[in-house]
C-alpha cells in the first residue's frame, strides 16, 4: 500500500469534525435569532418603543447642539 488509504481516513475524520462544527454554528445562530426576536417582542409589548425613540431623538438633538 502506498498510504493513500490513511490519507483518505484522515480527510474523512476532518470533514466529519467540520460538519459537526458547522451544525453547532447554525444551531447557535438560530438560537440567537429566536432570542433576539423574543426580546424585541417583549419590549414592544411593554411599550418601550416610545421611550427608545424619545431617547434617540434627544441624543440626536444633543449631537447637533440643540438639546
PDB file of N, CA and C in Angstrom:
ATOM      1  N   UNK A   1       0.846  -1.187   0.000  1.00  0.00           N
ATOM      2  CA  UNK A   1       0.000   0.000   0.000  1.00  0.00           C
ATOM      3  C   UNK A   1       0.885   1.243   0.000  1.00  0.00           C
ATOM      4  N   UNK A   2       0.384   2.273  -0.634  1.00  0.00           N
ATOM      5  CA  UNK A   2       1.162   3.496  -0.756  1.00  0.00           C
ATOM      6  C   UNK A   2       0.766   4.554   0.276  1.00  0.00           C
ATOM      7  N   UNK A   3      -0.115   4.209   1.184  1.00  0.00           N
ATOM      8  CA  UNK A   3      -0.513   5.149   2.237  1.00  0.00           C
ATOM      9  C   UNK A   3      -1.710   5.997   1.869  1.00  0.00           C
ATOM     10  N   UNK A   4      -2.268   5.819   0.687  1.00  0.00           N
ATOM     11  CA  UNK A   4      -3.401   6.649   0.265  1.00  0.00           C
ATOM     12  C   UNK A   4      -4.646   6.374   1.109  1.00  0.00           C
ATOM     13  N   UNK A   5      -4.775   5.147   1.600  1.00  0.00           N
ATOM     14  CA  UNK A   5      -5.909   4.823   2.456  1.00  0.00           C
ATOM     15  C   UNK A   5      -5.871   5.603   3.761  1.00  0.00           C
ATOM     16  N   UNK A   6      -4.690   5.792   4.284  1.00  0.00           N
ATOM     17  CA  UNK A   6      -4.528   6.565   5.522  1.00  0.00           C
ATOM     18  C   UNK A   6      -4.911   8.026   5.298  1.00  0.00           C
ATOM     19  N   UNK A   7      -4.521   8.567   4.148  1.00  0.00           N
ATOM     20  CA  UNK A   7      -4.863   9.954   3.835  1.00  0.00           C
ATOM     21  C   UNK A   7      -6.375  10.133   3.723  1.00  0.00           C
ATOM     22  N   UNK A   8      -7.027   9.163   3.116  1.00  0.00           N
ATOM     23  CA  UNK A   8      -8.477   9.212   2.975  1.00  0.00           C
ATOM     24  C   UNK A   8      -9.157   9.167   4.342  1.00  0.00           C
ATOM     25  N   UNK A   9      -8.626   8.368   5.240  1.00  0.00           N
ATOM     26  CA  UNK A   9      -9.187   8.231   6.585  1.00  0.00           C
ATOM     27  C   UNK A   9      -9.073   9.558   7.342  1.00  0.00           C
ATOM     28  N   UNK A  10      -7.912  10.196   7.244  1.00  0.00           N
ATOM     29  CA  UNK A  10      -7.725  11.487   7.913  1.00  0.00           C
ATOM     30  C   UNK A  10      -8.667  12.542   7.351  1.00  0.00           C
ATOM     31  N   UNK A  11      -8.833  12.545   6.029  1.00  0.00           N
ATOM     32  CA  UNK A  11      -9.709  13.525   5.393  1.00  0.00           C
ATOM     33  C   UNK A  11     -11.156  13.330   5.851  1.00  0.00           C
ATOM     34  N   UNK A  12     -11.598  12.095   5.917  1.00  0.00           N
ATOM     35  CA  UNK A  12     -12.963  11.796   6.358  1.00  0.00           C
ATOM     36  C   UNK A  12     -13.168  12.254   7.802  1.00  0.00           C
ATOM     37  N   UNK A  13     -12.185  12.028   8.652  1.00  0.00           N
ATOM     38  CA  UNK A  13     -12.284  12.445  10.055  1.00  0.00           C
ATOM     39  C   UNK A  13     -12.389  13.961  10.146  1.00  0.00           C
ATOM     40  N   UNK A  14     -11.568  14.665   9.378  1.00  0.00           N
ATOM     41  CA  UNK A  14     -11.587  16.125   9.421  1.00  0.00           C
ATOM     42  C   UNK A  14     -12.901  16.679   8.884  1.00  0.00           C
ATOM     43  N   UNK A  15     -13.433  16.074   7.822  1.00  0.00           N
ATOM     44  CA  UNK A  15     -14.702  16.532   7.269  1.00  0.00           C
ATOM     45  C   UNK A  15     -15.836  16.330   8.265  1.00  0.00           C
ATOM     46  N   UNK A  16     -15.841  15.215   8.966  1.00  0.00           N
ATOM     47  CA  UNK A  16     -16.875  14.954   9.960  1.00  0.00           C
ATOM     48  C   UNK A  16     -16.828  15.960  11.087  1.00  0.00           C
ATOM     49  N   UNK A  17     -15.634  16.302  11.518  1.00  0.00           N
ATOM     50  CA  UNK A  17     -15.479  17.287  12.581  1.00  0.00           C
ATOM     51  C   UNK A  17     -15.943  18.659  12.115  1.00  0.00           C
ATOM     52  N   UNK A  18     -15.649  18.992  10.866  1.00  0.00           N
ATOM     53  CA  UNK A  18     -16.058  20.272  10.306  1.00  0.00           C
ATOM     54  C   UNK A  18     -17.574  20.361  10.184  1.00  0.00           C
ATOM     55  N   UNK A  19     -18.197  19.266   9.759  1.00  0.00           N
ATOM     56  CA  UNK A  19     -19.656  19.243   9.645  1.00  0.00           C
ATOM     57  C   UNK A  19     -20.314  19.453  10.997  1.00  0.00           C
ATOM     58  N   UNK A  20     -19.753  18.844  12.025  1.00  0.00           N
ATOM     59  CA  UNK A  20     -20.313  18.988  13.372  1.00  0.00           C
ATOM     60  C   UNK A  20     -20.176  20.430  13.849  1.00  0.00           C
ATOM     61  N   UNK A  21     -19.035  21.041  13.558  1.00  0.00           N
ATOM     62  CA  UNK A  21     -18.809  22.425  13.959  1.00  0.00           C
ATOM     63  C   UNK A  21     -19.778  23.357  13.230  1.00  0.00           C
ATOM     64  N   UNK A  22     -20.005  23.098  11.939  1.00  0.00           N
ATOM     65  CA  UNK A  22     -20.938  23.915  11.166  1.00  0.00           C
ATOM     66  C   UNK A  22     -22.359  23.767  11.716  1.00  0.00           C
ATOM     67  N   UNK A  23     -22.718  22.562  12.127  1.00  0.00           N
ATOM     68  CA  UNK A  23     -24.033  22.340  12.706  1.00  0.00           C
ATOM     69  C   UNK A  23     -24.215  23.096  14.007  1.00  0.00           C
ATOM     70  N   UNK A  24     -23.168  23.132  14.825  1.00  0.00           N
ATOM     71  CA  UNK A  24     -23.247  23.866  16.086  1.00  0.00           C
ATOM     72  C   UNK A  24     -23.353  25.368  15.836  1.00  0.00           C
ATOM     73  N   UNK A  25     -22.631  25.854  14.822  1.00  0.00           N
ATOM     74  CA  UNK A  25     -22.719  27.279  14.491  1.00  0.00           C
ATOM     75  C   UNK A  25     -24.123  27.638  14.015  1.00  0.00           C
ATOM     76  N   UNK A  26     -24.693  26.788  13.198  1.00  0.00           N
ATOM     77  CA  UNK A  26     -26.042  27.041  12.698  1.00  0.00           C
ATOM     78  C   UNK A  26     -27.047  27.020  13.846  1.00  0.00           C
ATOM     79  N   UNK A  27     -26.881  26.076  14.745  1.00  0.00           N
ATOM     80  CA  UNK A  27     -27.784  25.974  15.894  1.00  0.00           C
ATOM     81  C   UNK A  27     -27.652  27.196  16.799  1.00  0.00           C
ATOM     82  N   UNK A  28     -26.423  27.615  17.080  1.00  0.00           N
ATOM     83  CA  UNK A  28     -26.243  28.778  17.949  1.00  0.00           C
ATOM     84  C   UNK A  28     -26.772  30.041  17.276  1.00  0.00           C
ATOM     85  N   UNK A  29     -26.599  30.156  15.961  1.00  0.00           N
ATOM     86  CA  UNK A  29     -27.139  31.309  15.241  1.00  0.00           C
ATOM     87  C   UNK A  29     -28.659  31.339  15.288  1.00  0.00           C
ATOM     88  N   UNK A  30     -29.273  30.181  15.134  1.00  0.00           N
ATOM     89  CA  UNK A  30     -30.735  30.102  15.190  1.00  0.00           C
ATOM     90  C   UNK A  30     -31.243  30.448  16.586  1.00  0.00           C
ATOM     91  N   UNK A  31     -30.547  29.964  17.607  1.00  0.00           N
ATOM     92  CA  UNK A  31     -30.961  30.276  18.980  1.00  0.00           C
ATOM     93  C   UNK A  31     -30.835  31.769  19.270  1.00  0.00           C
ATOM     94  N   UNK A  32     -29.760  32.393  18.796  1.00  0.00           N
ATOM     95  CA  UNK A  32     -29.597  33.832  18.994  1.00  0.00           C
ATOM     96  C   UNK A  32     -30.675  34.622  18.264  1.00  0.00           C
ATOM     97  N   UNK A  33     -31.039  34.170  17.073  1.00  0.00           N
ATOM     98  CA  UNK A  33     -32.100  34.836  16.317  1.00  0.00           C
ATOM     99  C   UNK A  33     -33.431  34.745  17.051  1.00  0.00           C
ATOM    100  N   UNK A  34     -33.758  33.567  17.546  1.00  0.00           N
ATOM    101  CA  UNK A  34     -35.014  33.375  18.284  1.00  0.00           C
ATOM    102  C   UNK A  34     -35.022  34.213  19.557  1.00  0.00           C
ATOM    103  N   UNK A  35     -33.904  34.237  20.268  1.00  0.00           N
ATOM    104  CA  UNK A  35     -33.806  35.037  21.494  1.00  0.00           C
ATOM    105  C   UNK A  35     -33.958  36.523  21.181  1.00  0.00           C
ATOM    106  N   UNK A  36     -33.340  36.976  20.101  1.00  0.00           N
ATOM    107  CA  UNK A  36     -33.442  38.390  19.714  1.00  0.00           C
ATOM    108  C   UNK A  36     -34.871  38.779  19.379  1.00  0.00           C
ATOM    109  N   UNK A  37     -35.532  37.945  18.609  1.00  0.00           N
ATOM    110  CA  UNK A  37     -36.927  38.219  18.244  1.00  0.00           C
ATOM    111  C   UNK A  37     -37.798  38.249  19.494  1.00  0.00           C
ATOM    112  N   UNK A  38     -37.552  37.330  20.414  1.00  0.00           N
ATOM    113  CA  UNK A  38     -38.308  37.306  21.667  1.00  0.00           C
ATOM    114  C   UNK A  38     -38.105  38.558  22.499  1.00  0.00           C
ATOM    115  N   UNK A  39     -36.865  39.031  22.585  1.00  0.00           N
ATOM    116  CA  UNK A  39     -36.586  40.243  23.366  1.00  0.00           C
ATOM    117  C   UNK A  39     -37.211  41.474  22.712  1.00  0.00           C
ATOM    118  N   UNK A  40     -37.183  41.535  21.391  1.00  0.00           N
ATOM    119  CA  UNK A  40     -37.825  42.659  20.695  1.00  0.00           C
ATOM    120  C   UNK A  40     -39.329  42.636  20.938  1.00  0.00           C
ATOM    121  N   UNK A  41     -39.937  41.469  20.856  1.00  0.00           N
ATOM    122  CA  UNK A  41     -41.378  41.349  21.102  1.00  0.00           C
ATOM    123  C   UNK A  41     -41.716  41.744  22.539  1.00  0.00           C
ATOM    124  N   UNK A  42     -40.881  41.342  23.478  1.00  0.00           N
ATOM    125  CA  UNK A  42     -41.106  41.701  24.879  1.00  0.00           C
ATOM    126  C   UNK A  42     -41.062  43.221  25.066  1.00  0.00           C
ATOM    127  N   UNK A  43     -40.096  43.872  24.416  1.00  0.00           N
ATOM    128  CA  UNK A  43     -40.002  45.330  24.506  1.00  0.00           C
ATOM    129  C   UNK A  43     -41.200  46.019  23.882  1.00  0.00           C
ATOM    130  N   UNK A  44     -41.679  45.502  22.775  1.00  0.00           N
ATOM    131  CA  UNK A  44     -42.849  46.091  22.112  1.00  0.00           C
ATOM    132  C   UNK A  44     -44.085  45.923  22.998  1.00  0.00           C
ATOM    133  N   UNK A  45     -44.236  44.758  23.602  1.00  0.00           N
ATOM    134  CA  UNK A  45     -45.390  44.526  24.482  1.00  0.00           C
ATOM    135  C   UNK A  45     -45.371  45.447  25.705  1.00  0.00           C
ATOM    136  N   UNK A  46     -44.186  45.788  26.168  1.00  0.00           N
ATOM    137  CA  UNK A  46     -44.076  46.700  27.311  1.00  0.00           C
ATOM    138  C   UNK A  46     -44.117  48.158  26.880  1.00  0.00           C
ATOM    139  N   UNK A  47     -44.322  48.394  25.585  1.00  0.00           N
ATOM    140  CA  UNK A  47     -44.398  49.735  25.003  1.00  0.00           C
ATOM    141  C   UNK A  47     -43.120  50.537  25.245  1.00  0.00           C
ATOM    142  N   UNK A  48     -41.983  49.867  25.104  1.00  0.00           N
ATOM    143  CA  UNK A  48     -40.687  50.509  25.258  1.00  0.00           C
ATOM    144  C   UNK A  48     -40.278  51.273  24.011  1.00  0.00           C
ATOM    145  N   UNK A  49     -40.969  51.048  22.897  1.00  0.00           N
ATOM    146  CA  UNK A  49     -40.568  51.680  21.641  1.00  0.00           C
ATOM    147  C   UNK A  49     -40.633  53.200  21.722  1.00  0.00           C
ATOM    148  N   UNK A  50     -41.633  53.740  22.396  1.00  0.00           N
ATOM    149  CA  UNK A  50     -41.740  55.205  22.503  1.00  0.00           C
ATOM    150  C   UNK A  50     -40.602  55.761  23.343  1.00  0.00           C
ATOM    151  N   UNK A  51     -40.219  55.059  24.386  1.00  0.00           N
ATOM    152  CA  UNK A  51     -39.113  55.510  25.235  1.00  0.00           C
ATOM    153  C   UNK A  51     -37.788  55.479  24.471  1.00  0.00           C
ATOM    154  N   UNK A  52     -37.559  54.426  23.724  1.00  0.00           N
ATOM    155  CA  UNK A  52     -36.332  54.319  22.931  1.00  0.00           C
ATOM    156  C   UNK A  52     -36.293  55.421  21.875  1.00  0.00           C
ATOM    157  N   UNK A  53     -37.410  55.664  21.227  1.00  0.00           N
ATOM    158  CA  UNK A  53     -37.467  56.720  20.212  1.00  0.00           C
ATOM    159  C   UNK A  53     -37.218  58.088  20.842  1.00  0.00           C
ATOM    160  N   UNK A  54     -37.797  58.341  22.003  1.00  0.00           N
ATOM    161  CA  UNK A  54     -37.603  59.626  22.684  1.00  0.00           C
ATOM    162  C   UNK A  54     -36.130  59.839  23.024  1.00  0.00           C
ATOM    163  N   UNK A  55     -35.472  58.802  23.530  1.00  0.00           N
ATOM    164  CA  UNK A  55     -34.055  58.912  23.867  1.00  0.00           C
ATOM    165  C   UNK A  55     -33.205  59.108  22.621  1.00  0.00           C
ATOM    166  N   UNK A  56     -33.554  58.448  21.528  1.00  0.00           N
ATOM    167  CA  UNK A  56     -32.806  58.595  20.278  1.00  0.00           C
ATOM    168  C   UNK A  56     -32.909  60.024  19.753  1.00  0.00           C
ATOM    169  N   UNK A  57     -34.099  60.594  19.825  1.00  0.00           N
ATOM    170  CA  UNK A  57     -34.288  61.976  19.382  1.00  0.00           C
ATOM    171  C   UNK A  57     -33.474  62.914  20.254  1.00  0.00           C
ATOM    172  N   UNK A  58     -33.473  62.700  21.549  1.00  0.00           N
ATOM    173  CA  UNK A  58     -32.723  63.552  22.471  1.00  0.00           C
ATOM    174  C   UNK A  58     -31.224  63.485  22.170  1.00  0.00           C
ATOM    175  N   UNK A  59     -30.711  62.287  21.921  1.00  0.00           N
ATOM    176  CA  UNK A  59     -29.286  62.133  21.600  1.00  0.00           C
ATOM    177  C   UNK A  59     -28.953  62.844  20.304  1.00  0.00           C
ATOM    178  N   UNK A  60     -29.818  62.715  19.292  1.00  0.00           N
ATOM    179  CA  UNK A  60     -29.560  63.372  18.009  1.00  0.00           C
ATOM    180  C   UNK A  60     -29.580  64.887  18.171  1.00  0.00           C
ATOM    181  N   UNK A  61     -30.502  65.396  18.951  1.00  0.00           N
ATOM    182  CA  UNK A  61     -30.564  66.838  19.155  1.00  0.00           C
ATOM    183  C   UNK A  61     -29.330  67.337  19.908  1.00  0.00           C
ATOM    184  N   UNK A  62     -28.834  66.538  20.858  1.00  0.00           N
ATOM    185  CA  UNK A  62     -27.619  66.924  21.577  1.00  0.00           C
ATOM    186  C   UNK A  62     -26.410  66.922  20.662  1.00  0.00           C
ATOM    187  N   UNK A  63     -26.387  65.994  19.717  1.00  0.00           N
ATOM    188  CA  UNK A  63     -25.232  65.909  18.791  1.00  0.00           C
ATOM    189  C   UNK A  63     -25.132  67.147  17.903  1.00  0.00           C
ATOM    190  N   UNK A  64     -26.259  67.693  17.501  1.00  0.00           N
ATOM    191  CA  UNK A  64     -26.212  68.876  16.636  1.00  0.00           C
ATOM    192  C   UNK A  64     -26.254  70.174  17.450  1.00  0.00           C
ATOM    193  N   UNK A  65     -26.281  70.057  18.747  1.00  0.00           N
ATOM    194  CA  UNK A  65     -26.174  71.229  19.613  1.00  0.00           C
ATOM    195  C   UNK A  65     -27.489  71.905  19.938  1.00  0.00           C
ATOM    196  N   UNK A  66     -28.605  71.222  19.800  1.00  0.00           N
ATOM    197  CA  UNK A  66     -29.905  71.842  20.105  1.00  0.00           C
ATOM    198  C   UNK A  66     -30.494  71.326  21.420  1.00  0.00           C
ATOM    199  N   UNK A  67     -29.923  70.315  21.992  1.00  0.00           N
ATOM    200  CA  UNK A  67     -30.540  69.694  23.158  1.00  0.00           C
ATOM    201  C   UNK A  67     -29.955  70.013  24.410  1.00  0.00           C
TER     202      UNK A  67
END
